[in-house]
N, C-alpha and C. Protein backbone atom coordinates (compact mmCIF):
# COMPACT_ATOMS: atom_id res chain seq x y z
N MET A 1 -84.19 -145.64 9.38
CA MET A 1 -84.32 -144.22 9.57
C MET A 1 -85.04 -143.95 10.90
N GLU A 2 -84.54 -143.03 11.62
CA GLU A 2 -85.19 -142.68 12.88
C GLU A 2 -86.21 -141.57 12.64
N ARG A 3 -87.26 -141.60 13.38
CA ARG A 3 -88.30 -140.58 13.24
C ARG A 3 -87.98 -139.43 14.17
N LYS A 4 -87.95 -138.22 13.63
CA LYS A 4 -87.49 -137.08 14.41
C LYS A 4 -88.60 -136.44 15.23
N GLU A 5 -89.57 -135.81 14.56
CA GLU A 5 -90.62 -135.09 15.28
C GLU A 5 -91.90 -135.91 15.24
N CYS A 6 -92.70 -135.82 16.29
CA CYS A 6 -93.96 -136.55 16.32
C CYS A 6 -95.08 -135.64 16.81
N LYS A 7 -96.27 -135.94 16.31
CA LYS A 7 -97.47 -135.26 16.80
C LYS A 7 -97.80 -135.80 18.18
N PRO A 8 -98.72 -135.15 18.92
CA PRO A 8 -99.08 -135.65 20.25
C PRO A 8 -99.57 -137.10 20.26
N ASN A 9 -100.21 -137.56 19.19
CA ASN A 9 -100.69 -138.94 19.16
C ASN A 9 -99.63 -139.90 18.62
N SER A 10 -98.37 -139.46 18.62
CA SER A 10 -97.18 -140.24 18.27
C SER A 10 -97.13 -140.68 16.81
N LEU A 11 -97.84 -139.99 15.92
CA LEU A 11 -97.69 -140.24 14.49
C LEU A 11 -96.64 -139.26 13.95
N PRO A 12 -95.82 -139.68 13.00
CA PRO A 12 -94.78 -138.79 12.50
C PRO A 12 -95.35 -137.63 11.68
N ILE A 13 -94.66 -136.52 11.71
CA ILE A 13 -95.05 -135.38 10.88
C ILE A 13 -94.53 -135.64 9.47
N LEU A 14 -95.42 -135.62 8.49
CA LEU A 14 -95.03 -135.87 7.11
C LEU A 14 -94.80 -134.52 6.43
N HIS A 15 -93.56 -134.28 6.01
CA HIS A 15 -93.20 -133.01 5.40
C HIS A 15 -93.53 -133.01 3.92
N LYS A 16 -93.90 -131.83 3.41
CA LYS A 16 -94.20 -131.68 1.99
C LYS A 16 -92.88 -131.62 1.23
N MET A 17 -92.81 -132.33 0.11
CA MET A 17 -91.56 -132.41 -0.64
C MET A 17 -91.69 -131.69 -1.98
N HIS A 18 -90.57 -131.15 -2.47
CA HIS A 18 -90.57 -130.47 -3.76
C HIS A 18 -90.23 -131.42 -4.91
N VAL A 19 -89.97 -132.68 -4.59
CA VAL A 19 -89.67 -133.69 -5.61
C VAL A 19 -90.52 -134.92 -5.32
N LYS A 20 -90.65 -135.80 -6.32
CA LYS A 20 -91.40 -137.03 -6.13
C LYS A 20 -90.66 -138.18 -6.80
N VAL A 21 -91.14 -139.40 -6.60
CA VAL A 21 -90.49 -140.58 -7.15
C VAL A 21 -90.54 -140.51 -8.67
N GLY A 22 -89.40 -140.78 -9.29
CA GLY A 22 -89.31 -140.75 -10.75
C GLY A 22 -88.73 -139.46 -11.30
N ASP A 23 -88.62 -138.42 -10.47
CA ASP A 23 -88.03 -137.15 -10.93
C ASP A 23 -86.53 -137.29 -11.11
N THR A 24 -86.00 -136.58 -12.11
CA THR A 24 -84.56 -136.51 -12.29
C THR A 24 -84.06 -135.32 -11.50
N VAL A 25 -83.05 -135.55 -10.66
CA VAL A 25 -82.54 -134.49 -9.79
C VAL A 25 -81.02 -134.39 -9.91
N LYS A 26 -80.51 -133.22 -9.52
CA LYS A 26 -79.07 -132.98 -9.47
C LYS A 26 -78.70 -132.72 -8.03
N VAL A 27 -77.63 -133.37 -7.54
CA VAL A 27 -77.18 -133.17 -6.17
C VAL A 27 -76.41 -131.85 -6.11
N ILE A 28 -76.81 -130.97 -5.19
CA ILE A 28 -76.21 -129.63 -5.14
C ILE A 28 -75.24 -129.46 -3.98
N SER A 29 -75.14 -130.43 -3.08
CA SER A 29 -74.16 -130.34 -1.99
C SER A 29 -73.81 -131.73 -1.51
N GLY A 30 -72.62 -131.83 -0.90
CA GLY A 30 -72.18 -133.10 -0.35
C GLY A 30 -71.11 -133.75 -1.20
N ARG A 31 -70.78 -134.97 -0.87
CA ARG A 31 -69.72 -135.70 -1.55
C ARG A 31 -70.03 -135.94 -3.03
N ASP A 32 -71.31 -136.15 -3.35
CA ASP A 32 -71.72 -136.45 -4.73
C ASP A 32 -72.23 -135.21 -5.47
N LYS A 33 -71.73 -134.03 -5.11
CA LYS A 33 -72.18 -132.78 -5.71
C LYS A 33 -71.97 -132.80 -7.22
N GLY A 34 -73.02 -132.40 -7.95
CA GLY A 34 -72.95 -132.34 -9.41
C GLY A 34 -73.47 -133.58 -10.11
N LYS A 35 -73.67 -134.67 -9.40
CA LYS A 35 -74.16 -135.90 -10.02
C LYS A 35 -75.65 -135.82 -10.27
N ILE A 36 -76.09 -136.51 -11.32
CA ILE A 36 -77.50 -136.49 -11.72
C ILE A 36 -78.05 -137.91 -11.63
N GLY A 37 -79.25 -138.05 -11.06
CA GLY A 37 -79.87 -139.36 -10.93
C GLY A 37 -81.37 -139.25 -10.77
N GLU A 38 -82.01 -140.41 -10.69
CA GLU A 38 -83.47 -140.47 -10.58
C GLU A 38 -83.87 -140.92 -9.17
N ILE A 39 -84.91 -140.30 -8.62
CA ILE A 39 -85.36 -140.63 -7.27
C ILE A 39 -86.09 -141.97 -7.30
N THR A 40 -85.68 -142.88 -6.40
CA THR A 40 -86.31 -144.20 -6.33
C THR A 40 -87.20 -144.36 -5.12
N LYS A 41 -86.91 -143.61 -4.03
CA LYS A 41 -87.72 -143.74 -2.81
C LYS A 41 -87.70 -142.42 -2.05
N ILE A 42 -88.80 -142.14 -1.34
CA ILE A 42 -88.92 -140.91 -0.56
C ILE A 42 -89.31 -141.27 0.87
N TYR A 43 -88.66 -140.63 1.86
CA TYR A 43 -89.04 -140.75 3.26
C TYR A 43 -89.58 -139.39 3.69
N LYS A 44 -90.90 -139.27 3.80
CA LYS A 44 -91.51 -137.97 4.12
C LYS A 44 -91.34 -137.58 5.58
N HIS A 45 -91.16 -138.54 6.47
CA HIS A 45 -91.09 -138.20 7.89
C HIS A 45 -89.80 -137.47 8.26
N ASN A 46 -88.74 -137.62 7.46
CA ASN A 46 -87.52 -136.86 7.75
C ASN A 46 -86.97 -136.15 6.52
N SER A 47 -87.81 -135.95 5.51
CA SER A 47 -87.48 -135.18 4.30
C SER A 47 -86.23 -135.68 3.60
N SER A 48 -86.10 -136.99 3.45
CA SER A 48 -84.93 -137.51 2.73
C SER A 48 -85.38 -138.34 1.53
N VAL A 49 -84.48 -138.45 0.55
CA VAL A 49 -84.77 -139.17 -0.68
C VAL A 49 -83.62 -140.12 -0.99
N VAL A 50 -83.93 -141.20 -1.71
CA VAL A 50 -82.92 -142.12 -2.20
C VAL A 50 -82.82 -141.92 -3.69
N VAL A 51 -81.60 -141.61 -4.17
CA VAL A 51 -81.37 -141.35 -5.58
C VAL A 51 -80.57 -142.51 -6.16
N ASN A 52 -80.95 -142.95 -7.36
CA ASN A 52 -80.32 -144.09 -8.00
C ASN A 52 -78.83 -143.85 -8.25
N GLU A 53 -77.98 -144.78 -7.78
CA GLU A 53 -76.52 -144.75 -7.97
C GLU A 53 -75.84 -143.53 -7.36
N ILE A 54 -76.44 -142.90 -6.32
CA ILE A 54 -75.84 -141.75 -5.66
C ILE A 54 -75.83 -142.02 -4.15
N ASN A 55 -74.79 -141.54 -3.47
CA ASN A 55 -74.56 -141.72 -2.05
C ASN A 55 -74.47 -143.21 -1.70
N LEU A 56 -73.58 -143.90 -2.41
CA LEU A 56 -73.40 -145.34 -2.20
C LEU A 56 -72.61 -145.59 -0.93
N LYS A 57 -73.09 -146.50 -0.12
CA LYS A 57 -72.43 -146.90 1.12
C LYS A 57 -72.09 -148.39 1.02
N THR A 58 -71.06 -148.80 1.73
CA THR A 58 -70.64 -150.20 1.73
C THR A 58 -71.29 -150.92 2.91
N LYS A 59 -71.95 -152.04 2.61
CA LYS A 59 -72.58 -152.85 3.66
C LYS A 59 -71.94 -154.23 3.64
N HIS A 60 -71.44 -154.65 4.79
CA HIS A 60 -70.83 -155.97 4.93
C HIS A 60 -71.89 -156.93 5.45
N VAL A 61 -72.19 -157.96 4.67
CA VAL A 61 -73.22 -158.93 5.03
C VAL A 61 -72.53 -160.21 5.50
N LYS A 62 -72.89 -160.66 6.69
CA LYS A 62 -72.32 -161.87 7.27
C LYS A 62 -72.95 -163.09 6.60
N SER A 63 -72.20 -164.20 6.53
CA SER A 63 -72.75 -165.41 5.93
C SER A 63 -73.85 -165.97 6.82
N ARG A 64 -74.91 -166.43 6.20
CA ARG A 64 -76.05 -166.95 6.97
C ARG A 64 -75.95 -168.45 7.18
N GLY A 65 -75.23 -169.09 6.34
CA GLY A 65 -75.05 -170.54 6.48
C GLY A 65 -73.75 -170.96 5.82
N GLU A 66 -73.49 -172.26 5.85
CA GLU A 66 -72.26 -172.74 5.23
C GLU A 66 -72.29 -172.60 3.72
N ASP A 67 -73.49 -172.76 3.14
CA ASP A 67 -73.60 -172.69 1.68
C ASP A 67 -73.64 -171.26 1.14
N GLU A 68 -74.00 -170.30 1.99
CA GLU A 68 -74.10 -168.90 1.54
C GLU A 68 -72.93 -168.09 2.13
N PRO A 69 -72.02 -167.61 1.28
CA PRO A 69 -70.87 -166.86 1.80
C PRO A 69 -71.24 -165.41 2.15
N GLY A 70 -70.41 -164.79 2.96
CA GLY A 70 -70.60 -163.38 3.26
C GLY A 70 -70.22 -162.54 2.05
N GLN A 71 -70.68 -161.31 2.02
CA GLN A 71 -70.39 -160.46 0.86
C GLN A 71 -70.37 -158.99 1.25
N ILE A 72 -69.81 -158.19 0.37
CA ILE A 72 -69.76 -156.74 0.56
C ILE A 72 -70.65 -156.12 -0.51
N LEU A 73 -71.70 -155.41 -0.07
CA LEU A 73 -72.67 -154.82 -0.98
C LEU A 73 -72.53 -153.31 -1.01
N LYS A 74 -72.88 -152.71 -2.14
CA LYS A 74 -72.98 -151.24 -2.25
C LYS A 74 -74.46 -150.91 -2.24
N ILE A 75 -74.91 -150.15 -1.23
CA ILE A 75 -76.31 -149.76 -1.15
C ILE A 75 -76.43 -148.24 -1.25
N GLU A 76 -77.58 -147.77 -1.72
CA GLU A 76 -77.83 -146.34 -1.83
C GLU A 76 -78.43 -145.83 -0.53
N ALA A 77 -77.76 -144.89 0.10
CA ALA A 77 -78.25 -144.31 1.35
C ALA A 77 -79.06 -143.06 1.04
N PRO A 78 -80.03 -142.72 1.89
CA PRO A 78 -80.83 -141.52 1.65
C PRO A 78 -80.03 -140.24 1.89
N ILE A 79 -80.39 -139.19 1.15
CA ILE A 79 -79.83 -137.86 1.36
C ILE A 79 -80.98 -136.89 1.59
N HIS A 80 -80.71 -135.79 2.26
CA HIS A 80 -81.77 -134.84 2.59
C HIS A 80 -82.29 -134.18 1.31
N SER A 81 -83.60 -133.93 1.28
CA SER A 81 -84.22 -133.38 0.07
C SER A 81 -83.73 -131.97 -0.26
N SER A 82 -83.20 -131.25 0.75
CA SER A 82 -82.70 -129.91 0.47
C SER A 82 -81.38 -129.95 -0.29
N ASN A 83 -80.74 -131.11 -0.37
CA ASN A 83 -79.48 -131.25 -1.09
C ASN A 83 -79.66 -131.67 -2.54
N VAL A 84 -80.90 -131.77 -3.00
CA VAL A 84 -81.16 -132.10 -4.40
C VAL A 84 -82.02 -131.01 -5.03
N MET A 85 -81.85 -130.84 -6.35
CA MET A 85 -82.61 -129.84 -7.09
C MET A 85 -83.14 -130.50 -8.36
N LEU A 86 -84.38 -130.18 -8.73
CA LEU A 86 -84.99 -130.76 -9.91
C LEU A 86 -84.16 -130.43 -11.14
N TYR A 87 -83.97 -131.41 -12.03
CA TYR A 87 -83.10 -131.25 -13.19
C TYR A 87 -83.92 -131.47 -14.45
N SER A 88 -83.76 -130.58 -15.42
CA SER A 88 -84.47 -130.68 -16.69
C SER A 88 -83.55 -131.32 -17.73
N LYS A 89 -83.94 -132.48 -18.27
CA LYS A 89 -83.12 -133.16 -19.26
C LYS A 89 -83.13 -132.41 -20.60
N GLU A 90 -84.26 -131.77 -20.94
CA GLU A 90 -84.37 -131.07 -22.22
C GLU A 90 -83.43 -129.87 -22.28
N GLN A 91 -83.41 -129.07 -21.17
CA GLN A 91 -82.61 -127.85 -21.16
C GLN A 91 -81.25 -128.05 -20.50
N ASN A 92 -80.99 -129.25 -19.95
CA ASN A 92 -79.75 -129.56 -19.25
C ASN A 92 -79.41 -128.53 -18.18
N VAL A 93 -80.40 -128.20 -17.35
CA VAL A 93 -80.19 -127.22 -16.29
C VAL A 93 -81.00 -127.62 -15.06
N ALA A 94 -80.42 -127.36 -13.88
CA ALA A 94 -81.13 -127.57 -12.61
C ALA A 94 -81.78 -126.25 -12.23
N SER A 95 -83.03 -126.29 -11.77
CA SER A 95 -83.70 -125.04 -11.44
C SER A 95 -84.71 -125.25 -10.32
N ARG A 96 -85.12 -124.14 -9.73
CA ARG A 96 -86.16 -124.20 -8.71
C ARG A 96 -87.50 -124.44 -9.38
N VAL A 97 -88.43 -124.95 -8.60
CA VAL A 97 -89.76 -125.25 -9.13
C VAL A 97 -90.75 -124.29 -8.51
N GLY A 98 -91.59 -123.71 -9.34
CA GLY A 98 -92.65 -122.84 -8.85
C GLY A 98 -94.00 -123.42 -9.22
N HIS A 99 -94.99 -123.19 -8.38
CA HIS A 99 -96.35 -123.64 -8.66
C HIS A 99 -97.24 -122.42 -8.70
N LYS A 100 -98.02 -122.27 -9.75
CA LYS A 100 -98.87 -121.10 -9.92
C LYS A 100 -100.26 -121.60 -10.28
N ILE A 101 -101.28 -121.05 -9.63
CA ILE A 101 -102.65 -121.44 -9.94
C ILE A 101 -103.09 -120.64 -11.17
N LEU A 102 -103.36 -121.35 -12.25
CA LEU A 102 -103.86 -120.73 -13.47
C LEU A 102 -105.38 -120.72 -13.43
N GLU A 103 -105.99 -120.05 -14.41
CA GLU A 103 -107.46 -119.97 -14.40
C GLU A 103 -108.11 -121.34 -14.55
N ASP A 104 -107.51 -122.21 -15.39
CA ASP A 104 -108.12 -123.51 -15.63
C ASP A 104 -107.64 -124.60 -14.68
N ASP A 105 -106.34 -124.60 -14.34
CA ASP A 105 -105.81 -125.68 -13.52
C ASP A 105 -104.44 -125.27 -12.97
N TRP A 106 -103.82 -126.18 -12.20
CA TRP A 106 -102.48 -125.91 -11.67
C TRP A 106 -101.49 -125.94 -12.81
N GLY A 107 -100.49 -125.07 -12.77
CA GLY A 107 -99.40 -125.08 -13.73
C GLY A 107 -98.10 -125.22 -12.97
N ILE A 108 -97.19 -125.98 -13.52
CA ILE A 108 -95.89 -126.14 -12.88
C ILE A 108 -94.87 -125.39 -13.72
N ILE A 109 -94.19 -124.44 -13.09
CA ILE A 109 -93.18 -123.66 -13.75
C ILE A 109 -91.84 -124.14 -13.23
N ASP A 110 -91.05 -124.80 -14.09
CA ASP A 110 -89.80 -125.38 -13.61
C ASP A 110 -88.56 -124.57 -13.94
N SER A 111 -88.70 -123.45 -14.63
CA SER A 111 -87.53 -122.62 -14.89
C SER A 111 -87.96 -121.19 -15.17
N ALA A 112 -86.99 -120.28 -15.13
CA ALA A 112 -87.28 -118.86 -15.34
C ALA A 112 -87.78 -118.60 -16.76
N GLU A 113 -87.27 -119.36 -17.75
CA GLU A 113 -87.70 -119.17 -19.14
C GLU A 113 -89.18 -119.51 -19.29
N ASN A 114 -89.61 -120.60 -18.68
CA ASN A 114 -91.03 -120.98 -18.75
C ASN A 114 -91.91 -119.95 -18.06
N TRP A 115 -91.41 -119.37 -16.96
CA TRP A 115 -92.16 -118.34 -16.25
C TRP A 115 -92.35 -117.13 -17.15
N LYS A 116 -91.29 -116.70 -17.84
CA LYS A 116 -91.38 -115.55 -18.75
C LYS A 116 -92.35 -115.83 -19.88
N LYS A 117 -92.29 -117.04 -20.46
CA LYS A 117 -93.21 -117.42 -21.55
C LYS A 117 -94.65 -117.36 -21.06
N LEU A 118 -94.90 -117.87 -19.87
CA LEU A 118 -96.25 -117.89 -19.32
C LEU A 118 -96.78 -116.47 -19.12
N LYS A 119 -95.92 -115.57 -18.61
CA LYS A 119 -96.33 -114.18 -18.40
C LYS A 119 -96.63 -113.49 -19.72
N GLU A 120 -95.78 -113.74 -20.76
CA GLU A 120 -96.00 -113.13 -22.07
C GLU A 120 -97.31 -113.61 -22.69
N GLU A 121 -97.60 -114.91 -22.57
CA GLU A 121 -98.86 -115.45 -23.10
C GLU A 121 -100.05 -114.82 -22.39
N LYS A 122 -99.95 -114.61 -21.08
CA LYS A 122 -101.04 -114.02 -20.32
C LYS A 122 -101.26 -112.58 -20.75
N LYS A 123 -100.17 -111.82 -20.99
CA LYS A 123 -100.29 -110.44 -21.45
C LYS A 123 -100.97 -110.39 -22.82
N LYS A 124 -100.59 -111.31 -23.74
CA LYS A 124 -101.18 -111.36 -25.09
C LYS A 124 -102.67 -111.62 -25.01
N THR A 125 -103.07 -112.54 -24.14
CA THR A 125 -104.50 -112.85 -24.01
C THR A 125 -105.27 -111.68 -23.40
N GLU A 126 -104.63 -110.96 -22.45
CA GLU A 126 -105.28 -109.80 -21.85
C GLU A 126 -105.45 -108.68 -22.86
N VAL A 127 -104.45 -108.48 -23.73
CA VAL A 127 -104.53 -107.45 -24.77
C VAL A 127 -105.61 -107.83 -25.79
N ALA A 128 -105.69 -109.09 -26.15
CA ALA A 128 -106.69 -109.55 -27.11
C ALA A 128 -108.10 -109.40 -26.54
N VAL A 129 -108.28 -109.65 -25.29
CA VAL A 129 -109.59 -109.53 -24.64
C VAL A 129 -109.98 -108.04 -24.52
N ALA A 130 -109.00 -107.17 -24.22
CA ALA A 130 -109.27 -105.76 -24.04
C ALA A 130 -109.66 -105.08 -25.36
N SER A 131 -109.12 -105.53 -26.48
CA SER A 131 -109.42 -104.91 -27.77
C SER A 131 -110.56 -105.56 -28.47
């Protein structure tokens, strides 16, 4: 991978990502659109991710010696993080992720239904405190 932008001291700019290693994601654009897989590696310097069994490329490996033959391998190539969306296995839906600071700690809202539930719970607690 080539490094695109650099700071003045020649260190790469590390971009913030909306996904992390181990997340289940759905590909939303490109040749593998609609496929679902798990993130195995992240490259923060150019905002790309490697997803298991997605964006397979063919690599031809030359023989290194007489005893070891050459071979054709299928490797997973990185895709840009903007082309994947977090996928919920429980609800079988891909959705945007929101982060909201709650009174006690950070909360992760991964779908519109969870956001509505959180707002309703907050209203109930406010009504209970007011009365």
